[in-house]
Amino acid sequence: IGRLGIGRIYQGVLNAQQSVVICDSFGHERTNTTSQI
């Protein structure tokens, strides 16, 4: 399944097949969809 990101959910709920905005501290944003969690 390729690259995996590991981390803590600080708030909210994360779903499989969810569209999310990925952003860094410099303000760059992009959109992607989680396949599995």
PDB file of all heavy atoms in Angstrom:
ATOM      1  N   ILE A   1       0.808  -1.228   0.000  1.00  0.00           N
ATOM      2  CA  ILE A   1       0.000   0.000   0.000  1.00  0.00           C
ATOM      3  C   ILE A   1       0.838   1.274   0.000  1.00  0.00           C
ATOM      4  O   ILE A   1       0.312   2.368   0.041  1.00  0.00           O
ATOM      5  CB  ILE A   1      -1.020   0.012   1.173  1.00  0.00           C
ATOM      6  CG1 ILE A   1      -0.343  -0.329   2.497  1.00  0.00           C
ATOM      7  CG2 ILE A   1      -2.173  -0.905   0.912  1.00  0.00           C
ATOM      8  CD1 ILE A   1      -1.287  -0.331   3.690  1.00  0.00           C
ATOM      9  N   GLY A   2       2.179   1.127  -0.074  1.00  0.00           N
ATOM     10  CA  GLY A   2       3.052   2.289  -0.243  1.00  0.00           C
ATOM     11  C   GLY A   2       3.372   3.006   1.052  1.00  0.00           C
ATOM     12  O   GLY A   2       3.405   2.409   2.133  1.00  0.00           O
ATOM     13  N   ARG A   3       3.563   4.299   0.940  1.00  0.00           N
ATOM     14  CA  ARG A   3       4.014   5.113   2.075  1.00  0.00           C
ATOM     15  C   ARG A   3       2.888   5.284   3.098  1.00  0.00           C
ATOM     16  O   ARG A   3       1.735   5.521   2.738  1.00  0.00           O
ATOM     17  CB  ARG A   3       4.444   6.475   1.552  1.00  0.00           C
ATOM     18  CG  ARG A   3       5.232   7.290   2.550  1.00  0.00           C
ATOM     19  CD  ARG A   3       5.805   8.473   1.838  1.00  0.00           C
ATOM     20  NE  ARG A   3       6.770   9.192   2.653  1.00  0.00           N
ATOM     21  CZ  ARG A   3       7.596  10.086   2.161  1.00  0.00           C
ATOM     22  NH1 ARG A   3       7.595  10.357   0.883  1.00  0.00           N
ATOM     23  NH2 ARG A   3       8.434  10.724   2.934  1.00  0.00           N
ATOM     24  N   LEU A   4       3.267   5.199   4.380  1.00  0.00           N
ATOM     25  CA  LEU A   4       2.289   5.336   5.457  1.00  0.00           C
ATOM     26  C   LEU A   4       2.700   6.491   6.356  1.00  0.00           C
ATOM     27  O   LEU A   4       3.882   6.668   6.653  1.00  0.00           O
ATOM     28  CB  LEU A   4       2.243   4.052   6.301  1.00  0.00           C
ATOM     29  CG  LEU A   4       1.954   2.738   5.561  1.00  0.00           C
ATOM     30  CD1 LEU A   4       2.174   1.554   6.489  1.00  0.00           C
ATOM     31  CD2 LEU A   4       0.536   2.727   5.024  1.00  0.00           C
ATOM     32  N   GLY A   5       1.731   7.282   6.791  1.00  0.00           N
ATOM     33  CA  GLY A   5       1.989   8.347   7.759  1.00  0.00           C
ATOM     34  C   GLY A   5       1.464   7.915   9.118  1.00  0.00           C
ATOM     35  O   GLY A   5       0.340   7.408   9.218  1.00  0.00           O
ATOM     36  N   ILE A   6       2.260   8.105  10.172  1.00  0.00           N
ATOM     37  CA  ILE A   6       1.844   7.705  11.519  1.00  0.00           C
ATOM     38  C   ILE A   6       1.807   8.949  12.392  1.00  0.00           C
ATOM     39  O   ILE A   6       2.738   9.767  12.361  1.00  0.00           O
ATOM     40  CB  ILE A   6       2.834   6.677  12.124  1.00  0.00           C
ATOM     41  CG1 ILE A   6       2.987   5.476  11.191  1.00  0.00           C
ATOM     42  CG2 ILE A   6       2.386   6.226  13.507  1.00  0.00           C
ATOM     43  CD1 ILE A   6       4.145   4.547  11.539  1.00  0.00           C
ATOM     44  N   GLY A   7       0.751   9.108  13.159  1.00  0.00           N
ATOM     45  CA  GLY A   7       0.663  10.273  14.037  1.00  0.00           C
ATOM     46  C   GLY A   7      -0.556  10.216  14.915  1.00  0.00           C
ATOM     47  O   GLY A   7      -1.349   9.275  14.861  1.00  0.00           O
ATOM     48  N   ARG A   8      -0.710  11.249  15.743  1.00  0.00           N
ATOM     49  CA  ARG A   8      -1.845  11.291  16.660  1.00  0.00           C
ATOM     50  C   ARG A   8      -2.934  12.207  16.116  1.00  0.00           C
ATOM     51  O   ARG A   8      -2.637  13.263  15.549  1.00  0.00           O
ATOM     52  CB  ARG A   8      -1.381  11.804  18.021  1.00  0.00           C
ATOM     53  CG  ARG A   8      -2.572  12.118  18.909  1.00  0.00           C
ATOM     54  CD  ARG A   8      -2.293  12.079  20.362  1.00  0.00           C
ATOM     55  NE  ARG A   8      -1.390  13.105  20.825  1.00  0.00           N
ATOM     56  CZ  ARG A   8      -1.143  13.289  22.122  1.00  0.00           C
ATOM     57  NH1 ARG A   8      -1.687  12.517  23.012  1.00  0.00           N
ATOM     58  NH2 ARG A   8      -0.320  14.228  22.499  1.00  0.00           N
ATOM     59  N   ILE A   9      -4.170  11.807  16.321  1.00  0.00           N
ATOM     60  CA  ILE A   9      -5.298  12.701  16.003  1.00  0.00           C
ATOM     61  C   ILE A   9      -5.476  13.612  17.213  1.00  0.00           C
ATOM     62  O   ILE A   9      -5.849  13.149  18.300  1.00  0.00           O
ATOM     63  CB  ILE A   9      -6.598  11.907  15.730  1.00  0.00           C
ATOM     64  CG1 ILE A   9      -6.395  10.939  14.559  1.00  0.00           C
ATOM     65  CG2 ILE A   9      -7.751  12.866  15.460  1.00  0.00           C
ATOM     66  CD1 ILE A   9      -7.596  10.060  14.268  1.00  0.00           C
ATOM     67  N   TYR A  10      -5.161  14.888  17.047  1.00  0.00           N
ATOM     68  CA  TYR A  10      -5.273  15.830  18.168  1.00  0.00           C
ATOM     69  C   TYR A  10      -6.733  16.174  18.441  1.00  0.00           C
ATOM     70  O   TYR A  10      -7.130  16.372  19.585  1.00  0.00           O
ATOM     71  CB  TYR A  10      -4.463  17.095  17.880  1.00  0.00           C
ATOM     72  CG  TYR A  10      -2.979  16.869  18.037  1.00  0.00           C
ATOM     73  CD1 TYR A  10      -2.202  16.382  16.995  1.00  0.00           C
ATOM     74  CD2 TYR A  10      -2.359  17.087  19.263  1.00  0.00           C
ATOM     75  CE1 TYR A  10      -0.837  16.138  17.153  1.00  0.00           C
ATOM     76  CE2 TYR A  10      -0.998  16.847  19.434  1.00  0.00           C
ATOM     77  CZ  TYR A  10      -0.246  16.365  18.376  1.00  0.00           C
ATOM     78  OH  TYR A  10       1.092  16.120  18.556  1.00  0.00           O
ATOM     79  N   GLN A  11      -7.517  16.287  17.351  1.00  0.00           N
ATOM     80  CA  GLN A  11      -8.953  16.524  17.543  1.00  0.00           C
ATOM     81  C   GLN A  11      -9.708  16.052  16.301  1.00  0.00           C
ATOM     82  O   GLN A  11      -9.134  15.878  15.232  1.00  0.00           O
ATOM     83  CB  GLN A  11      -9.224  18.005  17.809  1.00  0.00           C
ATOM     84  CG  GLN A  11      -8.766  18.941  16.695  1.00  0.00           C
ATOM     85  CD  GLN A  11      -9.013  20.402  17.034  1.00  0.00           C
ATOM     86  OE1 GLN A  11      -8.647  20.888  18.089  1.00  0.00           O
ATOM     87  NE2 GLN A  11      -9.661  21.111  16.120  1.00  0.00           N
ATOM     88  N   GLY A  12     -11.008  15.805  16.497  1.00  0.00           N
ATOM     89  CA  GLY A  12     -11.835  15.360  15.381  1.00  0.00           C
ATOM     90  C   GLY A  12     -11.805  13.853  15.183  1.00  0.00           C
ATOM     91  O   GLY A  12     -11.270  13.106  16.005  1.00  0.00           O
ATOM     92  N   VAL A  13     -12.396  13.425  14.048  1.00  0.00           N
ATOM     93  CA  VAL A  13     -12.481  12.007  13.695  1.00  0.00           C
ATOM     94  C   VAL A  13     -11.942  11.854  12.276  1.00  0.00           C
ATOM     95  O   VAL A  13     -12.233  12.671  11.399  1.00  0.00           O
ATOM     96  CB  VAL A  13     -13.952  11.513  13.759  1.00  0.00           C
ATOM     97  CG1 VAL A  13     -14.068  10.083  13.269  1.00  0.00           C
ATOM     98  CG2 VAL A  13     -14.494  11.636  15.176  1.00  0.00           C
ATOM     99  N   LEU A  14     -11.148  10.820  12.041  1.00  0.00           N
ATOM    100  CA  LEU A  14     -10.606  10.554  10.700  1.00  0.00           C
ATOM    101  C   LEU A  14     -11.236   9.277  10.167  1.00  0.00           C
ATOM    102  O   LEU A  14     -11.288   8.262  10.864  1.00  0.00           O
ATOM    103  CB  LEU A  14      -9.082  10.399  10.768  1.00  0.00           C
ATOM    104  CG  LEU A  14      -8.378  10.116   9.433  1.00  0.00           C
ATOM    105  CD1 LEU A  14      -8.491  11.313   8.491  1.00  0.00           C
ATOM    106  CD2 LEU A  14      -6.903   9.768   9.648  1.00  0.00           C
ATOM    107  N   ASN A  15     -11.725   9.343   8.927  1.00  0.00           N
ATOM    108  CA  ASN A  15     -12.357   8.183   8.306  1.00  0.00           C
ATOM    109  C   ASN A  15     -11.528   7.657   7.135  1.00  0.00           C
ATOM    110  O   ASN A  15     -10.771   8.409   6.516  1.00  0.00           O
ATOM    111  CB  ASN A  15     -13.753   8.562   7.771  1.00  0.00           C
ATOM    112  CG  ASN A  15     -14.676   8.991   8.885  1.00  0.00           C
ATOM    113  OD1 ASN A  15     -15.048   8.178   9.726  1.00  0.00           O
ATOM    114  ND2 ASN A  15     -15.027  10.274   8.915  1.00  0.00           N
ATOM    115  N   ALA A  16     -11.704   6.371   6.839  1.00  0.00           N
ATOM    116  CA  ALA A  16     -11.120   5.822   5.606  1.00  0.00           C
ATOM    117  C   ALA A  16     -11.878   6.432   4.433  1.00  0.00           C
ATOM    118  O   ALA A  16     -13.061   6.774   4.552  1.00  0.00           O
ATOM    119  CB  ALA A  16     -11.261   4.306   5.615  1.00  0.00           C
ATOM    120  N   GLN A  17     -11.200   6.599   3.291  1.00  0.00           N
ATOM    121  CA  GLN A  17     -11.803   7.191   2.087  1.00  0.00           C
ATOM    122  C   GLN A  17     -12.270   8.633   2.316  1.00  0.00           C
ATOM    123  O   GLN A  17     -13.218   9.088   1.704  1.00  0.00           O
ATOM    124  CB  GLN A  17     -13.006   6.346   1.601  1.00  0.00           C
ATOM    125  CG  GLN A  17     -12.698   4.886   1.353  1.00  0.00           C
ATOM    126  CD  GLN A  17     -11.754   4.688   0.164  1.00  0.00           C
ATOM    127  OE1 GLN A  17     -11.691   5.505  -0.740  1.00  0.00           O
ATOM    128  NE2 GLN A  17     -10.998   3.602   0.204  1.00  0.00           N
ATOM    129  N   GLN A  18     -11.593   9.353   3.225  1.00  0.00           N
ATOM    130  CA  GLN A  18     -11.975  10.737   3.511  1.00  0.00           C
ATOM    131  C   GLN A  18     -11.070  11.703   2.760  1.00  0.00           C
ATOM    132  O   GLN A  18      -9.860  11.509   2.694  1.00  0.00           O
ATOM    133  CB  GLN A  18     -11.874  11.001   5.023  1.00  0.00           C
ATOM    134  CG  GLN A  18     -12.228  12.441   5.419  1.00  0.00           C
ATOM    135  CD  GLN A  18     -12.154  12.655   6.931  1.00  0.00           C
ATOM    136  OE1 GLN A  18     -12.143  11.705   7.700  1.00  0.00           O
ATOM    137  NE2 GLN A  18     -12.084  13.906   7.357  1.00  0.00           N
ATOM    138  N   SER A  19     -11.655  12.740   2.209  1.00  0.00           N
ATOM    139  CA  SER A  19     -10.871  13.782   1.544  1.00  0.00           C
ATOM    140  C   SER A  19     -10.318  14.728   2.609  1.00  0.00           C
ATOM    141  O   SER A  19     -11.068  15.229   3.452  1.00  0.00           O
ATOM    142  CB  SER A  19     -11.749  14.551   0.564  1.00  0.00           C
ATOM    143  OG  SER A  19     -11.007  15.600  -0.025  1.00  0.00           O
ATOM    144  N   VAL A  20      -8.979  14.921   2.601  1.00  0.00           N
ATOM    145  CA  VAL A  20      -8.362  15.773   3.619  1.00  0.00           C
ATOM    146  C   VAL A  20      -7.457  16.811   2.953  1.00  0.00           C
ATOM    147  O   VAL A  20      -6.995  16.619   1.832  1.00  0.00           O
ATOM    148  CB  VAL A  20      -7.511  14.935   4.611  1.00  0.00           C
ATOM    149  CG1 VAL A  20      -8.377  14.080   5.502  1.00  0.00           C
ATOM    150  CG2 VAL A  20      -6.462  14.087   3.890  1.00  0.00           C
ATOM    151  N   VAL A  21      -7.247  17.915   3.674  1.00  0.00           N
ATOM    152  CA  VAL A  21      -6.280  18.928   3.228  1.00  0.00           C
ATOM    153  C   VAL A  21      -4.988  18.683   4.013  1.00  0.00           C
ATOM    154  O   VAL A  21      -5.009  18.593   5.241  1.00  0.00           O
ATOM    155  CB  VAL A  21      -6.806  20.355   3.495  1.00  0.00           C
ATOM    156  CG1 VAL A  21      -5.735  21.385   3.147  1.00  0.00           C
ATOM    157  CG2 VAL A  21      -8.063  20.618   2.694  1.00  0.00           C
ATOM    158  N   ILE A  22      -3.884  18.550   3.286  1.00  0.00           N
ATOM    159  CA  ILE A  22      -2.586  18.315   3.932  1.00  0.00           C
ATOM    160  C   ILE A  22      -1.832  19.638   3.879  1.00  0.00           C
ATOM    161  O   ILE A  22      -1.651  20.204   2.798  1.00  0.00           O
ATOM    162  CB  ILE A  22      -1.792  17.218   3.194  1.00  0.00           C
ATOM    163  CG1 ILE A  22      -2.610  15.930   3.150  1.00  0.00           C
ATOM    164  CG2 ILE A  22      -0.467  16.930   3.868  1.00  0.00           C
ATOM    165  CD1 ILE A  22      -2.735  15.341   1.796  1.00  0.00           C
ATOM    166  N   CYS A  23      -1.405  20.131   5.048  1.00  0.00           N
ATOM    167  CA  CYS A  23      -0.717  21.424   5.036  1.00  0.00           C
ATOM    168  C   CYS A  23       0.532  21.376   5.902  1.00  0.00           C
ATOM    169  O   CYS A  23       0.618  20.591   6.848  1.00  0.00           O
ATOM    170  CB  CYS A  23      -1.651  22.540   5.504  1.00  0.00           C
ATOM    171  SG  CYS A  23      -2.552  22.160   6.993  1.00  0.00           S
ATOM    172  N   ASP A  24       1.512  22.215   5.542  1.00  0.00           N
ATOM    173  CA  ASP A  24       2.716  22.311   6.359  1.00  0.00           C
ATOM    174  C   ASP A  24       2.733  23.668   7.051  1.00  0.00           C
ATOM    175  O   ASP A  24       1.842  24.496   6.850  1.00  0.00           O
ATOM    176  CB  ASP A  24       3.981  22.095   5.509  1.00  0.00           C
ATOM    177  CG  ASP A  24       4.130  23.109   4.394  1.00  0.00           C
ATOM    178  OD1 ASP A  24       3.592  24.232   4.539  1.00  0.00           O
ATOM    179  OD2 ASP A  24       4.780  22.797   3.368  1.00  0.00           O
ATOM    180  N   SER A  25       3.750  23.916   7.864  1.00  0.00           N
ATOM    181  CA  SER A  25       3.786  25.142   8.669  1.00  0.00           C
ATOM    182  C   SER A  25       4.069  26.386   7.816  1.00  0.00           C
ATOM    183  O   SER A  25       3.963  27.499   8.294  1.00  0.00           O
ATOM    184  CB  SER A  25       4.842  25.015   9.765  1.00  0.00           C
ATOM    185  OG  SER A  25       6.090  24.727   9.182  1.00  0.00           O
ATOM    186  N   PHE A  26       4.464  26.176   6.532  1.00  0.00           N
ATOM    187  CA  PHE A  26       4.741  27.324   5.649  1.00  0.00           C
ATOM    188  C   PHE A  26       3.481  27.785   4.913  1.00  0.00           C
ATOM    189  O   PHE A  26       3.520  28.687   4.090  1.00  0.00           O
ATOM    190  CB  PHE A  26       5.814  26.952   4.618  1.00  0.00           C
ATOM    191  CG  PHE A  26       7.100  26.508   5.244  1.00  0.00           C
ATOM    192  CD1 PHE A  26       7.509  25.181   5.164  1.00  0.00           C
ATOM    193  CD2 PHE A  26       7.896  27.402   5.938  1.00  0.00           C
ATOM    194  CE1 PHE A  26       8.692  24.762   5.750  1.00  0.00           C
ATOM    195  CE2 PHE A  26       9.087  26.992   6.535  1.00  0.00           C
ATOM    196  CZ  PHE A  26       9.483  25.676   6.450  1.00  0.00           C
ATOM    197  N   GLY A  27       2.358  27.120   5.164  1.00  0.00           N
ATOM    198  CA  GLY A  27       1.103  27.518   4.529  1.00  0.00           C
ATOM    199  C   GLY A  27       0.820  26.837   3.199  1.00  0.00           C
ATOM    200  O   GLY A  27      -0.151  27.162   2.527  1.00  0.00           O
ATOM    201  N   HIS A  28       1.663  25.874   2.773  1.00  0.00           N
ATOM    202  CA  HIS A  28       1.391  25.146   1.535  1.00  0.00           C
ATOM    203  C   HIS A  28       0.300  24.114   1.796  1.00  0.00           C
ATOM    204  O   HIS A  28       0.334  23.407   2.807  1.00  0.00           O
ATOM    205  CB  HIS A  28       2.659  24.435   1.034  1.00  0.00           C
ATOM    206  CG  HIS A  28       3.818  25.371   0.849  1.00  0.00           C
ATOM    207  ND1 HIS A  28       5.083  25.120   1.347  1.00  0.00           N
ATOM    208  CD2 HIS A  28       3.892  26.581   0.233  1.00  0.00           C
ATOM    209  CE1 HIS A  28       5.884  26.125   1.042  1.00  0.00           C
ATOM    210  NE2 HIS A  28       5.185  27.021   0.377  1.00  0.00           N
ATOM    211  N   GLU A  29      -0.656  24.023   0.866  1.00  0.00           N
ATOM    212  CA  GLU A  29      -1.776  23.089   1.052  1.00  0.00           C
ATOM    213  C   GLU A  29      -1.966  22.241  -0.196  1.00  0.00           C
ATOM    214  O   GLU A  29      -1.684  22.675  -1.306  1.00  0.00           O
ATOM    215  CB  GLU A  29      -3.081  23.859   1.315  1.00  0.00           C
ATOM    216  CG  GLU A  29      -3.083  24.649   2.601  1.00  0.00           C
ATOM    217  CD  GLU A  29      -4.373  25.470   2.759  1.00  0.00           C
ATOM    218  OE1 GLU A  29      -5.348  25.213   2.010  1.00  0.00           O
ATOM    219  OE2 GLU A  29      -4.403  26.373   3.609  1.00  0.00           O
ATOM    220  N   ARG A  30      -2.455  21.020   0.000  1.00  0.00           N
ATOM    221  CA  ARG A  30      -2.864  20.169  -1.120  1.00  0.00           C
ATOM    222  C   ARG A  30      -3.945  19.232  -0.596  1.00  0.00           C
ATOM    223  O   ARG A  30      -4.076  19.010   0.616  1.00  0.00           O
ATOM    224  CB  ARG A  30      -1.675  19.390  -1.689  1.00  0.00           C
ATOM    225  CG  ARG A  30      -1.016  18.440  -0.729  1.00  0.00           C
ATOM    226  CD  ARG A  30       0.293  17.888  -1.313  1.00  0.00           C
ATOM    227  NE  ARG A  30       0.839  16.803  -0.523  1.00  0.00           N
ATOM    228  CZ  ARG A  30       1.478  16.943   0.633  1.00  0.00           C
ATOM    229  NH1 ARG A  30       1.658  18.157   1.146  1.00  0.00           N
ATOM    230  NH2 ARG A  30       1.944  15.896   1.292  1.00  0.00           N
ATOM    231  N   THR A  31      -4.732  18.695  -1.516  1.00  0.00           N
ATOM    232  CA  THR A  31      -5.848  17.827  -1.120  1.00  0.00           C
ATOM    233  C   THR A  31      -5.579  16.402  -1.578  1.00  0.00           C
ATOM    234  O   THR A  31      -5.026  16.176  -2.663  1.00  0.00           O
ATOM    235  CB  THR A  31      -7.166  18.337  -1.748  1.00  0.00           C
ATOM    236  OG1 THR A  31      -7.316  19.717  -1.393  1.00  0.00           O
ATOM    237  CG2 THR A  31      -8.370  17.564  -1.230  1.00  0.00           C
ATOM    238  N   ASN A  32      -5.966  15.446  -0.746  1.00  0.00           N
ATOM    239  CA  ASN A  32      -5.826  14.032  -1.101  1.00  0.00           C
ATOM    240  C   ASN A  32      -6.872  13.231  -0.337  1.00  0.00           C
ATOM    241  O   ASN A  32      -7.555  13.763   0.540  1.00  0.00           O
ATOM    242  CB  ASN A  32      -4.409  13.535  -0.772  1.00  0.00           C
ATOM    243  CG  ASN A  32      -3.947  12.464  -1.749  1.00  0.00           C
ATOM    244  OD1 ASN A  32      -4.702  11.559  -2.092  1.00  0.00           O
ATOM    245  ND2 ASN A  32      -2.710  12.568  -2.211  1.00  0.00           N
ATOM    246  N   THR A  33      -6.977  11.956  -0.672  1.00  0.00           N
ATOM    247  CA  THR A  33      -7.976  11.104  -0.018  1.00  0.00           C
ATOM    248  C   THR A  33      -7.281   9.921   0.646  1.00  0.00           C
ATOM    249  O   THR A  33      -6.445   9.261   0.030  1.00  0.00           O
ATOM    250  CB  THR A  33      -9.005  10.578  -1.056  1.00  0.00           C
ATOM    251  OG1 THR A  33      -9.579  11.703  -1.714  1.00  0.00           O
ATOM    252  CG2 THR A  33     -10.093   9.768  -0.376  1.00  0.00           C
ATOM    253  N   THR A  34      -7.643   9.669   1.897  1.00  0.00           N
ATOM    254  CA  THR A  34      -7.075   8.508   2.594  1.00  0.00           C
ATOM    255  C   THR A  34      -7.682   7.235   1.985  1.00  0.00           C
ATOM    256  O   THR A  34      -8.867   7.207   1.681  1.00  0.00           O
ATOM    257  CB  THR A  34      -7.399   8.546   4.100  1.00  0.00           C
ATOM    258  OG1 THR A  34      -8.826   8.493   4.263  1.00  0.00           O
ATOM    259  CG2 THR A  34      -6.872   9.810   4.745  1.00  0.00           C
ATOM    260  N   SER A  35      -6.865   6.214   1.799  1.00  0.00           N
ATOM    261  CA  SER A  35      -7.413   4.947   1.280  1.00  0.00           C
ATOM    262  C   SER A  35      -7.796   4.033   2.442  1.00  0.00           C
ATOM    263  O   SER A  35      -8.894   3.493   2.501  1.00  0.00           O
ATOM    264  CB  SER A  35      -6.391   4.253   0.366  1.00  0.00           C
ATOM    265  OG  SER A  35      -5.216   3.964   1.074  1.00  0.00           O
ATOM    266  N   GLN A  36      -6.877   3.875   3.400  1.00  0.00           N
ATOM    267  CA  GLN A  36      -7.161   3.051   4.577  1.00  0.00           C
ATOM    268  C   GLN A  36      -6.592   3.734   5.804  1.00  0.00           C
ATOM    269  O   GLN A  36      -5.642   4.508   5.717  1.00  0.00           O
ATOM    270  CB  GLN A  36      -6.466   1.682   4.449  1.00  0.00           C
ATOM    271  CG  GLN A  36      -7.078   0.741   3.447  1.00  0.00           C
ATOM    272  CD  GLN A  36      -6.226  -0.527   3.345  1.00  0.00           C
ATOM    273  OE1 GLN A  36      -5.258  -0.570   2.614  1.00  0.00           O
ATOM    274  NE2 GLN A  36      -6.571  -1.561   4.096  1.00  0.00           N
ATOM    275  N   ILE A  37      -7.195   3.444   6.961  1.00  0.00           N
ATOM    276  CA  ILE A  37      -6.582   3.891   8.219  1.00  0.00           C
ATOM    277  C   ILE A  37      -6.500   2.683   9.157  1.00  0.00           C
ATOM    278  O   ILE A  37      -7.335   1.779   9.107  1.00  0.00           O
ATOM    279  CB  ILE A  37      -7.338   5.069   8.879  1.00  0.00           C
ATOM    280  CG1 ILE A  37      -8.801   4.730   9.123  1.00  0.00           C
ATOM    281  CG2 ILE A  37      -7.208   6.326   8.070  1.00  0.00           C
ATOM    282  CD1 ILE A  37      -9.517   5.785   9.957  1.00  0.00           C
TER     283      ILE A  37
END
